[in-house]
Amino acid sequence: MRATYIVSYDIADQRRLRLVHRTMMGFGDSLQYSVFRCILSEAERILLVEKLTGIINNKEDQILFVNIGPPAGRAKSCISALGRDIDNSPADRIVVIV
């Protein structure tokens, strides 16, 4: 079963920040520069965590994962914005697990 996650990050180093952002682009849709919406299976979530763990410094950086539920359920309507609207149609992403 897939779930929708809001992934937000605070990275202290510019190089690691760029690497985290590039990694996130392969897993979800950017809502803001350091905030992504990712629709992931459990295997994809584990793969993302493993990739990010290899990039960040655990003492300086932080990445938050918020599970907001199945894509067709509550997750579809629980994000709202003030100002510019959010494109609520997730882009097609393919995650290849090797």
PDB file of N, CA and C in Angstrom:
ATOM      1  N   MET A   1       0.842  -1.180   0.000  1.00  0.00           N
ATOM      2  CA  MET A   1       0.000   0.000   0.000  1.00  0.00           C
ATOM      3  C   MET A   1       0.889   1.246   0.000  1.00  0.00           C
ATOM      4  N   ARG A   2       0.525   2.210  -0.798  1.00  0.00           N
ATOM      5  CA  ARG A   2       1.279   3.459  -0.893  1.00  0.00           C
ATOM      6  C   ARG A   2       0.701   4.473   0.097  1.00  0.00           C
ATOM      7  N   ALA A   3       1.564   5.357   0.551  1.00  0.00           N
ATOM      8  CA  ALA A   3       1.137   6.425   1.461  1.00  0.00           C
ATOM      9  C   ALA A   3       1.758   7.727   0.974  1.00  0.00           C
ATOM     10  N   THR A   4       1.104   8.817   1.324  1.00  0.00           N
ATOM     11  CA  THR A   4       1.624  10.132   0.993  1.00  0.00           C
ATOM     12  C   THR A   4       2.393  10.668   2.190  1.00  0.00           C
ATOM     13  N   TYR A   5       3.603  11.129   1.929  1.00  0.00           N
ATOM     14  CA  TYR A   5       4.458  11.698   2.968  1.00  0.00           C
ATOM     15  C   TYR A   5       4.790  13.139   2.615  1.00  0.00           C
ATOM     16  N   ILE A   6       4.806  13.974   3.625  1.00  0.00           N
ATOM     17  CA  ILE A   6       5.384  15.301   3.499  1.00  0.00           C
ATOM     18  C   ILE A   6       6.793  15.155   4.065  1.00  0.00           C
ATOM     19  N   VAL A   7       7.781  15.480   3.250  1.00  0.00           N
ATOM     20  CA  VAL A   7       9.174  15.380   3.667  1.00  0.00           C
ATOM     21  C   VAL A   7       9.751  16.790   3.646  1.00  0.00           C
ATOM     22  N   SER A   8      10.254  17.207   4.791  1.00  0.00           N
ATOM     23  CA  SER A   8      10.823  18.542   4.939  1.00  0.00           C
ATOM     24  C   SER A   8      12.229  18.398   5.495  1.00  0.00           C
ATOM     25  N   TYR A   9      13.130  19.239   5.024  1.00  0.00           N
ATOM     26  CA  TYR A   9      14.505  19.105   5.487  1.00  0.00           C
ATOM     27  C   TYR A   9      15.146  20.442   5.791  1.00  0.00           C
ATOM     28  N   ASP A  10      16.085  20.385   6.737  1.00  0.00           N
ATOM     29  CA  ASP A  10      16.898  21.531   7.141  1.00  0.00           C
ATOM     30  C   ASP A  10      18.338  21.036   7.139  1.00  0.00           C
ATOM     31  N   ILE A  11      19.099  21.430   6.136  1.00  0.00           N
ATOM     32  CA  ILE A  11      20.457  20.922   5.922  1.00  0.00           C
ATOM     33  C   ILE A  11      21.439  22.083   6.103  1.00  0.00           C
ATOM     34  N   ALA A  12      22.447  21.885   6.949  1.00  0.00           N
ATOM     35  CA  ALA A  12      23.371  22.961   7.324  1.00  0.00           C
ATOM     36  C   ALA A  12      24.416  23.282   6.262  1.00  0.00           C
ATOM     37  N   ASP A  13      24.784  22.328   5.440  1.00  0.00           N
ATOM     38  CA  ASP A  13      25.866  22.504   4.467  1.00  0.00           C
ATOM     39  C   ASP A  13      25.289  22.592   3.053  1.00  0.00           C
ATOM     40  N   GLN A  14      25.755  23.555   2.257  1.00  0.00           N
ATOM     41  CA  GLN A  14      25.227  23.778   0.904  1.00  0.00           C
ATOM     42  C   GLN A  14      25.401  22.560  -0.003  1.00  0.00           C
ATOM     43  N   ARG A  15      26.535  21.881   0.075  1.00  0.00           N
ATOM     44  CA  ARG A  15      26.771  20.705  -0.769  1.00  0.00           C
ATOM     45  C   ARG A  15      25.773  19.590  -0.430  1.00  0.00           C
ATOM     46  N   ARG A  16      25.616  19.323   0.867  1.00  0.00           N
ATOM     47  CA  ARG A  16      24.657  18.296   1.284  1.00  0.00           C
ATOM     48  C   ARG A  16      23.233  18.712   0.927  1.00  0.00           C
ATOM     49  N   LEU A  17      22.931  19.999   1.039  1.00  0.00           N
ATOM     50  CA  LEU A  17      21.609  20.517   0.684  1.00  0.00           C
ATOM     51  C   LEU A  17      21.290  20.219  -0.780  1.00  0.00           C
ATOM     52  N   ARG A  18      22.243  20.483  -1.666  1.00  0.00           N
ATOM     53  CA  ARG A  18      22.026  20.205  -3.097  1.00  0.00           C
ATOM     54  C   ARG A  18      21.832  18.704  -3.334  1.00  0.00           C
ATOM     55  N   LEU A  19      22.611  17.876  -2.653  1.00  0.00           N
ATOM     56  CA  LEU A  19      22.480  16.421  -2.823  1.00  0.00           C
ATOM     57  C   LEU A  19      21.130  15.919  -2.322  1.00  0.00           C
ATOM     58  N   VAL A  20      20.691  16.429  -1.186  1.00  0.00           N
ATOM     59  CA  VAL A  20      19.383  16.032  -0.655  1.00  0.00           C
ATOM     60  C   VAL A  20      18.280  16.474  -1.610  1.00  0.00           C
ATOM     61  N   HIS A  21      18.362  17.709  -2.105  1.00  0.00           N
ATOM     62  CA  HIS A  21      17.335  18.209  -3.029  1.00  0.00           C
ATOM     63  C   HIS A  21      17.288  17.357  -4.296  1.00  0.00           C
ATOM     64  N   ARG A  22      18.438  17.047  -4.865  1.00  0.00           N
ATOM     65  CA  ARG A  22      18.486  16.202  -6.063  1.00  0.00           C
ATOM     66  C   ARG A  22      17.889  14.820  -5.798  1.00  0.00           C
ATOM     67  N   THR A  23      18.206  14.256  -4.649  1.00  0.00           N
ATOM     68  CA  THR A  23      17.653  12.950  -4.286  1.00  0.00           C
ATOM     69  C   THR A  23      16.141  13.021  -4.156  1.00  0.00           C
ATOM     70  N   MET A  24      15.643  14.055  -3.496  1.00  0.00           N
ATOM     71  CA  MET A  24      14.202  14.195  -3.302  1.00  0.00           C
ATOM     72  C   MET A  24      13.463  14.365  -4.622  1.00  0.00           C
ATOM     73  N   MET A  25      14.075  15.023  -5.604  1.00  0.00           N
ATOM     74  CA  MET A  25      13.431  15.221  -6.908  1.00  0.00           C
ATOM     75  C   MET A  25      13.091  13.876  -7.561  1.00  0.00           C
ATOM     76  N   GLY A  26      13.835  12.832  -7.252  1.00  0.00           N
ATOM     77  CA  GLY A  26      13.549  11.518  -7.807  1.00  0.00           C
ATOM     78  C   GLY A  26      12.451  10.768  -7.091  1.00  0.00           C
ATOM     79  N   PHE A  27      11.974  11.311  -5.964  1.00  0.00           N
ATOM     80  CA  PHE A  27      10.991  10.587  -5.161  1.00  0.00           C
ATOM     81  C   PHE A  27       9.670  11.317  -4.981  1.00  0.00           C
ATOM     82  N   GLY A  28       9.611  12.601  -5.294  1.00  0.00           N
ATOM     83  CA  GLY A  28       8.363  13.304  -5.035  1.00  0.00           C
ATOM     84  C   GLY A  28       8.263  14.634  -5.748  1.00  0.00           C
ATOM     85  N   ASP A  29       7.224  15.365  -5.396  1.00  0.00           N
ATOM     86  CA  ASP A  29       6.915  16.659  -5.993  1.00  0.00           C
ATOM     87  C   ASP A  29       7.293  17.761  -5.020  1.00  0.00           C
ATOM     88  N   SER A  30       8.021  18.737  -5.505  1.00  0.00           N
ATOM     89  CA  SER A  30       8.441  19.857  -4.668  1.00  0.00           C
ATOM     90  C   SER A  30       7.253  20.779  -4.414  1.00  0.00           C
ATOM     91  N   LEU A  31       6.918  20.984  -3.140  1.00  0.00           N
ATOM     92  CA  LEU A  31       5.878  21.941  -2.776  1.00  0.00           C
ATOM     93  C   LEU A  31       6.509  23.297  -2.487  1.00  0.00           C
ATOM     94  N   GLN A  32       7.660  23.270  -1.853  1.00  0.00           N
ATOM     95  CA  GLN A  32       8.515  24.429  -1.636  1.00  0.00           C
ATOM     96  C   GLN A  32       9.935  23.894  -1.736  1.00  0.00           C
ATOM     97  N   TYR A  33      10.946  24.752  -1.678  1.00  0.00           N
ATOM     98  CA  TYR A  33      12.306  24.274  -1.928  1.00  0.00           C
ATOM     99  C   TYR A  33      12.693  23.109  -1.025  1.00  0.00           C
ATOM    100  N   SER A  34      12.381  23.166   0.246  1.00  0.00           N
ATOM    101  CA  SER A  34      12.788  22.088   1.142  1.00  0.00           C
ATOM    102  C   SER A  34      11.607  21.284   1.670  1.00  0.00           C
ATOM    103  N   VAL A  35      10.507  21.285   0.923  1.00  0.00           N
ATOM    104  CA  VAL A  35       9.311  20.529   1.306  1.00  0.00           C
ATOM    105  C   VAL A  35       8.810  19.765   0.081  1.00  0.00           C
ATOM    106  N   PHE A  36       8.677  18.451   0.241  1.00  0.00           N
ATOM    107  CA  PHE A  36       8.231  17.595  -0.849  1.00  0.00           C
ATOM    108  C   PHE A  36       7.027  16.777  -0.435  1.00  0.00           C
ATOM    109  N   ARG A  37       6.186  16.460  -1.416  1.00  0.00           N
ATOM    110  CA  ARG A  37       5.105  15.486  -1.248  1.00  0.00           C
ATOM    111  C   ARG A  37       5.548  14.241  -2.003  1.00  0.00           C
ATOM    112  N   CYS A  38       5.622  13.120  -1.292  1.00  0.00           N
ATOM    113  CA  CYS A  38       6.074  11.870  -1.891  1.00  0.00           C
ATOM    114  C   CYS A  38       5.014  10.797  -1.681  1.00  0.00           C
ATOM    115  N   ILE A  39       4.643  10.119  -2.745  1.00  0.00           N
ATOM    116  CA  ILE A  39       3.728   8.990  -2.651  1.00  0.00           C
ATOM    117  C   ILE A  39       4.592   7.744  -2.795  1.00  0.00           C
ATOM    118  N   LEU A  40       4.732   7.008  -1.680  1.00  0.00           N
ATOM    119  CA  LEU A  40       5.719   5.936  -1.625  1.00  0.00           C
ATOM    120  C   LEU A  40       5.137   4.648  -1.067  1.00  0.00           C
ATOM    121  N   SER A  41       5.639   3.543  -1.583  1.00  0.00           N
ATOM    122  CA  SER A  41       5.387   2.249  -0.941  1.00  0.00           C
ATOM    123  C   SER A  41       6.355   2.162   0.236  1.00  0.00           C
ATOM    124  N   GLU A  42       6.199   1.174   1.070  1.00  0.00           N
ATOM    125  CA  GLU A  42       7.115   1.010   2.200  1.00  0.00           C
ATOM    126  C   GLU A  42       8.545   0.769   1.714  1.00  0.00           C
ATOM    127  N   ALA A  43       8.701  -0.012   0.656  1.00  0.00           N
ATOM    128  CA  ALA A  43      10.039  -0.279   0.097  1.00  0.00           C
ATOM    129  C   ALA A  43      10.666   1.006  -0.446  1.00  0.00           C
ATOM    130  N   GLU A  44       9.878   1.847  -1.091  1.00  0.00           N
ATOM    131  CA  GLU A  44      10.390   3.117  -1.612  1.00  0.00           C
ATOM    132  C   GLU A  44      10.772   4.066  -0.477  1.00  0.00           C
ATOM    133  N   ARG A  45       9.967   4.070   0.593  1.00  0.00           N
ATOM    134  CA  ARG A  45      10.281   4.917   1.746  1.00  0.00           C
ATOM    135  C   ARG A  45      11.606   4.482   2.373  1.00  0.00           C
ATOM    136  N   ILE A  46      11.790   3.186   2.523  1.00  0.00           N
ATOM    137  CA  ILE A  46      13.040   2.663   3.088  1.00  0.00           C
ATOM    138  C   ILE A  46      14.213   3.030   2.188  1.00  0.00           C
ATOM    139  N   LEU A  47      14.048   2.905   0.871  1.00  0.00           N
ATOM    140  CA  LEU A  47      15.106   3.264  -0.073  1.00  0.00           C
ATOM    141  C   LEU A  47      15.450   4.751   0.053  1.00  0.00           C
ATOM    142  N   LEU A  48      14.439   5.610   0.156  1.00  0.00           N
ATOM    143  CA  LEU A  48      14.669   7.042   0.309  1.00  0.00           C
ATOM    144  C   LEU A  48      15.420   7.333   1.607  1.00  0.00           C
ATOM    145  N   VAL A  49      15.004   6.721   2.694  1.00  0.00           N
ATOM    146  CA  VAL A  49      15.676   6.921   3.982  1.00  0.00           C
ATOM    147  C   VAL A  49      17.133   6.491   3.891  1.00  0.00           C
ATOM    148  N   GLU A  50      17.391   5.358   3.254  1.00  0.00           N
ATOM    149  CA  GLU A  50      18.772   4.883   3.105  1.00  0.00           C
ATOM    150  C   GLU A  50      19.616   5.863   2.295  1.00  0.00           C
ATOM    151  N   LYS A  51      19.063   6.361   1.196  1.00  0.00           N
ATOM    152  CA  LYS A  51      19.799   7.323   0.360  1.00  0.00           C
ATOM    153  C   LYS A  51      20.095   8.602   1.128  1.00  0.00           C
ATOM    154  N   LEU A  52      19.110   9.116   1.847  1.00  0.00           N
ATOM    155  CA  LEU A  52      19.296  10.355   2.592  1.00  0.00           C
ATOM    156  C   LEU A  52      20.251  10.173   3.770  1.00  0.00           C
ATOM    157  N   THR A  53      20.197   9.013   4.402  1.00  0.00           N
ATOM    158  CA  THR A  53      21.101   8.718   5.513  1.00  0.00           C
ATOM    159  C   THR A  53      22.556   8.772   5.067  1.00  0.00           C
ATOM    160  N   GLY A  54      22.808   8.377   3.824  1.00  0.00           N
ATOM    161  CA  GLY A  54      24.157   8.421   3.289  1.00  0.00           C
ATOM    162  C   GLY A  54      24.639   9.825   2.948  1.00  0.00           C
ATOM    163  N   ILE A  55      23.742  10.790   2.941  1.00  0.00           N
ATOM    164  CA  ILE A  55      24.096  12.163   2.567  1.00  0.00           C
ATOM    165  C   ILE A  55      24.246  13.072   3.784  1.00  0.00           C
ATOM    166  N   ILE A  56      23.328  12.982   4.722  1.00  0.00           N
ATOM    167  CA  ILE A  56      23.256  13.983   5.786  1.00  0.00           C
ATOM    168  C   ILE A  56      24.280  13.751   6.892  1.00  0.00           C
ATOM    169  N   ASN A  57      24.487  14.809   7.661  1.00  0.00           N
ATOM    170  CA  ASN A  57      25.279  14.753   8.886  1.00  0.00           C
ATOM    171  C   ASN A  57      24.259  14.707  10.021  1.00  0.00           C
ATOM    172  N   ASN A  58      24.223  13.609  10.759  1.00  0.00           N
ATOM    173  CA  ASN A  58      23.203  13.418  11.797  1.00  0.00           C
ATOM    174  C   ASN A  58      23.268  14.438  12.926  1.00  0.00           C
ATOM    175  N   LYS A  59      24.398  15.094  13.106  1.00  0.00           N
ATOM    176  CA  LYS A  59      24.529  16.077  14.184  1.00  0.00           C
ATOM    177  C   LYS A  59      24.133  17.485  13.742  1.00  0.00           C
ATOM    178  N   GLU A  60      24.109  17.746  12.432  1.00  0.00           N
ATOM    179  CA  GLU A  60      23.842  19.098  11.938  1.00  0.00           C
ATOM    180  C   GLU A  60      22.552  19.228  11.138  1.00  0.00           C
ATOM    181  N   ASP A  61      22.073  18.146  10.549  1.00  0.00           N
ATOM    182  CA  ASP A  61      20.949  18.191   9.614  1.00  0.00           C
ATOM    183  C   ASP A  61      19.720  17.500  10.204  1.00  0.00           C
ATOM    184  N   GLN A  62      18.566  17.810   9.623  1.00  0.00           N
ATOM    185  CA  GLN A  62      17.326  17.156  10.043  1.00  0.00           C
ATOM    186  C   GLN A  62      16.405  16.976   8.849  1.00  0.00           C
ATOM    187  N   ILE A  63      15.804  15.791   8.758  1.00  0.00           N
ATOM    188  CA  ILE A  63      14.791  15.515   7.741  1.00  0.00           C
ATOM    189  C   ILE A  63      13.568  14.967   8.459  1.00  0.00           C
ATOM    190  N   LEU A  64      12.410  15.552   8.192  1.00  0.00           N
ATOM    191  CA  LEU A  64      11.165  15.119   8.822  1.00  0.00           C
ATOM    192  C   LEU A  64      10.293  14.403   7.794  1.00  0.00           C
ATOM    193  N   PHE A  65       9.711  13.284   8.180  1.00  0.00           N
ATOM    194  CA  PHE A  65       8.766  12.537   7.365  1.00  0.00           C
ATOM    195  C   PHE A  65       7.416  12.566   8.084  1.00  0.00           C
ATOM    196  N   VAL A  66       6.385  13.072   7.408  1.00  0.00           N
ATOM    197  CA  VAL A  66       5.041  13.107   7.978  1.00  0.00           C
ATOM    198  C   VAL A  66       4.132  12.288   7.074  1.00  0.00           C
ATOM    199  N   ASN A  67       3.625  11.176   7.585  1.00  0.00           N
ATOM    200  CA  ASN A  67       2.723  10.309   6.833  1.00  0.00           C
ATOM    201  C   ASN A  67       1.324  10.906   6.926  1.00  0.00           C
ATOM    202  N   ILE A  68       0.767  11.322   5.783  1.00  0.00           N
ATOM    203  CA  ILE A  68      -0.573  11.912   5.798  1.00  0.00           C
ATOM    204  C   ILE A  68      -1.623  10.985   5.192  1.00  0.00           C
ATOM    205  N   GLY A  69      -1.248   9.727   4.972  1.00  0.00           N
ATOM    206  CA  GLY A  69      -2.229   8.727   4.583  1.00  0.00           C
ATOM    207  C   GLY A  69      -2.205   8.338   3.120  1.00  0.00           C
ATOM    208  N   PRO A  70      -3.152   7.480   2.737  1.00  0.00           N
ATOM    209  CA  PRO A  70      -3.232   7.009   1.350  1.00  0.00           C
ATOM    210  C   PRO A  70      -3.489   8.164   0.380  1.00  0.00           C
ATOM    211  N   PRO A  71      -2.918   8.082  -0.821  1.00  0.00           N
ATOM    212  CA  PRO A  71      -3.067   9.171  -1.804  1.00  0.00           C
ATOM    213  C   PRO A  71      -4.515   9.499  -2.156  1.00  0.00           C
ATOM    214  N   ALA A  72      -5.384   8.495  -2.173  1.00  0.00           N
ATOM    215  CA  ALA A  72      -6.773   8.740  -2.561  1.00  0.00           C
ATOM    216  C   ALA A  72      -7.642   9.152  -1.383  1.00  0.00           C
ATOM    217  N   GLY A  73      -7.130   9.064  -0.165  1.00  0.00           N
ATOM    218  CA  GLY A  73      -7.914   9.391   1.017  1.00  0.00           C
ATOM    219  C   GLY A  73      -7.693  10.807   1.483  1.00  0.00           C
ATOM    220  N   ARG A  74      -7.481  10.944   2.765  1.00  0.00           N
ATOM    221  CA  ARG A  74      -7.296  12.238   3.423  1.00  0.00           C
ATOM    222  C   ARG A  74      -6.144  13.033   2.816  1.00  0.00           C
ATOM    223  N   ALA A  75      -5.102  12.354   2.352  1.00  0.00           N
ATOM    224  CA  ALA A  75      -3.907  13.027   1.839  1.00  0.00           C
ATOM    225  C   ALA A  75      -4.216  13.935   0.659  1.00  0.00           C
ATOM    226  N   LYS A  76      -5.259  13.613  -0.072  1.00  0.00           N
ATOM    227  CA  LYS A  76      -5.596  14.403  -1.254  1.00  0.00           C
ATOM    228  C   LYS A  76      -6.088  15.805  -0.888  1.00  0.00           C
ATOM    229  N   SER A  77      -6.689  15.958   0.294  1.00  0.00           N
ATOM    230  CA  SER A  77      -7.300  17.238   0.635  1.00  0.00           C
ATOM    231  C   SER A  77      -6.733  17.901   1.887  1.00  0.00           C
ATOM    232  N   CYS A  78      -5.764  17.306   2.557  1.00  0.00           N
ATOM    233  CA  CYS A  78      -5.334  17.868   3.841  1.00  0.00           C
ATOM    234  C   CYS A  78      -4.240  18.928   3.717  1.00  0.00           C
ATOM    235  N   ILE A  79      -3.720  19.177   2.527  1.00  0.00           N
ATOM    236  CA  ILE A  79      -2.724  20.225   2.348  1.00  0.00           C
ATOM    237  C   ILE A  79      -3.416  21.436   1.744  1.00  0.00           C
ATOM    238  N   SER A  80      -3.261  22.575   2.399  1.00  0.00           N
ATOM    239  CA  SER A  80      -3.810  23.810   1.846  1.00  0.00           C
ATOM    240  C   SER A  80      -2.716  24.867   1.863  1.00  0.00           C
ATOM    241  N   ALA A  81      -2.903  25.893   1.082  1.00  0.00           N
ATOM    242  CA  ALA A  81      -1.883  26.936   0.971  1.00  0.00           C
ATOM    243  C   ALA A  81      -2.520  28.308   1.092  1.00  0.00           C
ATOM    244  N   LEU A  82      -1.743  29.231   1.594  1.00  0.00           N
ATOM    245  CA  LEU A  82      -2.118  30.634   1.606  1.00  0.00           C
ATOM    246  C   LEU A  82      -1.268  31.291   0.530  1.00  0.00           C
ATOM    247  N   GLY A  83      -1.877  31.995  -0.391  1.00  0.00           N
ATOM    248  CA  GLY A  83      -1.128  32.550  -1.514  1.00  0.00           C
ATOM    249  C   GLY A  83      -1.224  31.630  -2.714  1.00  0.00           C
ATOM    250  N   ARG A  84      -0.110  31.442  -3.397  1.00  0.00           N
ATOM    251  CA  ARG A  84      -0.072  30.601  -4.607  1.00  0.00           C
ATOM    252  C   ARG A  84      -0.578  29.204  -4.278  1.00  0.00           C
ATOM    253  N   ASP A  85      -1.472  28.702  -5.123  1.00  0.00           N
ATOM    254  CA  ASP A  85      -2.093  27.397  -4.888  1.00  0.00           C
ATOM    255  C   ASP A  85      -1.106  26.259  -5.120  1.00  0.00           C
ATOM    256  N   ILE A  86      -1.399  25.124  -4.528  1.00  0.00           N
ATOM    257  CA  ILE A  86      -0.596  23.917  -4.683  1.00  0.00           C
ATOM    258  C   ILE A  86      -1.205  23.076  -5.791  1.00  0.00           C
ATOM    259  N   ASP A  87      -0.359  22.584  -6.690  1.00  0.00           N
ATOM    260  CA  ASP A  87      -0.816  21.639  -7.706  1.00  0.00           C
ATOM    261  C   ASP A  87      -1.005  20.304  -7.001  1.00  0.00           C
ATOM    262  N   ASN A  88      -2.245  19.902  -6.803  1.00  0.00           N
ATOM    263  CA  ASN A  88      -2.538  18.687  -6.039  1.00  0.00           C
ATOM    264  C   ASN A  88      -2.508  17.421  -6.879  1.00  0.00           C
ATOM    265  N   SER A  89      -2.117  17.533  -8.139  1.00  0.00           N
ATOM    266  CA  SER A  89      -2.016  16.330  -8.957  1.00  0.00           C
ATOM    267  C   SER A  89      -0.552  15.891  -8.986  1.00  0.00           C
ATOM    268  N   PRO A  90      -0.226  14.796  -8.300  1.00  0.00           N
ATOM    269  CA  PRO A  90       1.171  14.370  -8.239  1.00  0.00           C
ATOM    270  C   PRO A  90       1.715  13.997  -9.613  1.00  0.00           C
ATOM    271  N   ALA A  91       2.946  14.395  -9.866  1.00  0.00           N
ATOM    272  CA  ALA A  91       3.599  14.028 -11.132  1.00  0.00           C
ATOM    273  C   ALA A  91       3.890  12.539 -11.123  1.00  0.00           C
ATOM    274  N   ASP A  92       3.893  11.947 -12.305  1.00  0.00           N
ATOM    275  CA  ASP A  92       4.232  10.532 -12.388  1.00  0.00           C
ATOM    276  C   ASP A  92       5.703  10.356 -12.104  1.00  0.00           C
ATOM    277  N   ARG A  93       6.014   9.523 -11.148  1.00  0.00           N
ATOM    278  CA  ARG A  93       7.389   9.228 -10.775  1.00  0.00           C
ATOM    279  C   ARG A  93       7.562   7.717 -10.813  1.00  0.00           C
ATOM    280  N   ILE A  94       8.714   7.330 -11.249  1.00  0.00           N
ATOM    281  CA  ILE A  94       9.054   5.913 -11.210  1.00  0.00           C
ATOM    282  C   ILE A  94      10.308   5.777 -10.377  1.00  0.00           C
ATOM    283  N   VAL A  95      10.222   4.982  -9.327  1.00  0.00           N
ATOM    284  CA  VAL A  95      11.370   4.710  -8.472  1.00  0.00           C
ATOM    285  C   VAL A  95      11.837   3.305  -8.813  1.00  0.00           C
ATOM    286  N   VAL A  96      13.094   3.195  -9.215  1.00  0.00           N
ATOM    287  CA  VAL A  96      13.654   1.888  -9.569  1.00  0.00           C
ATOM    288  C   VAL A  96      14.418   1.368  -8.372  1.00  0.00           C
ATOM    289  N   ILE A  97      14.025   0.228  -7.852  1.00  0.00           N
ATOM    290  CA  ILE A  97      14.702  -0.410  -6.724  1.00  0.00           C
ATOM    291  C   ILE A  97      15.562  -1.528  -7.270  1.00  0.00           C
ATOM    292  N   VAL A  98      16.869  -1.392  -7.069  1.00  0.00           N
ATOM    293  CA  VAL A  98      17.808  -2.386  -7.586  1.00  0.00           C
ATOM    294  C   VAL A  98      18.314  -3.242  -6.464  1.00  0.00           C
TER     295      VAL A  98
END
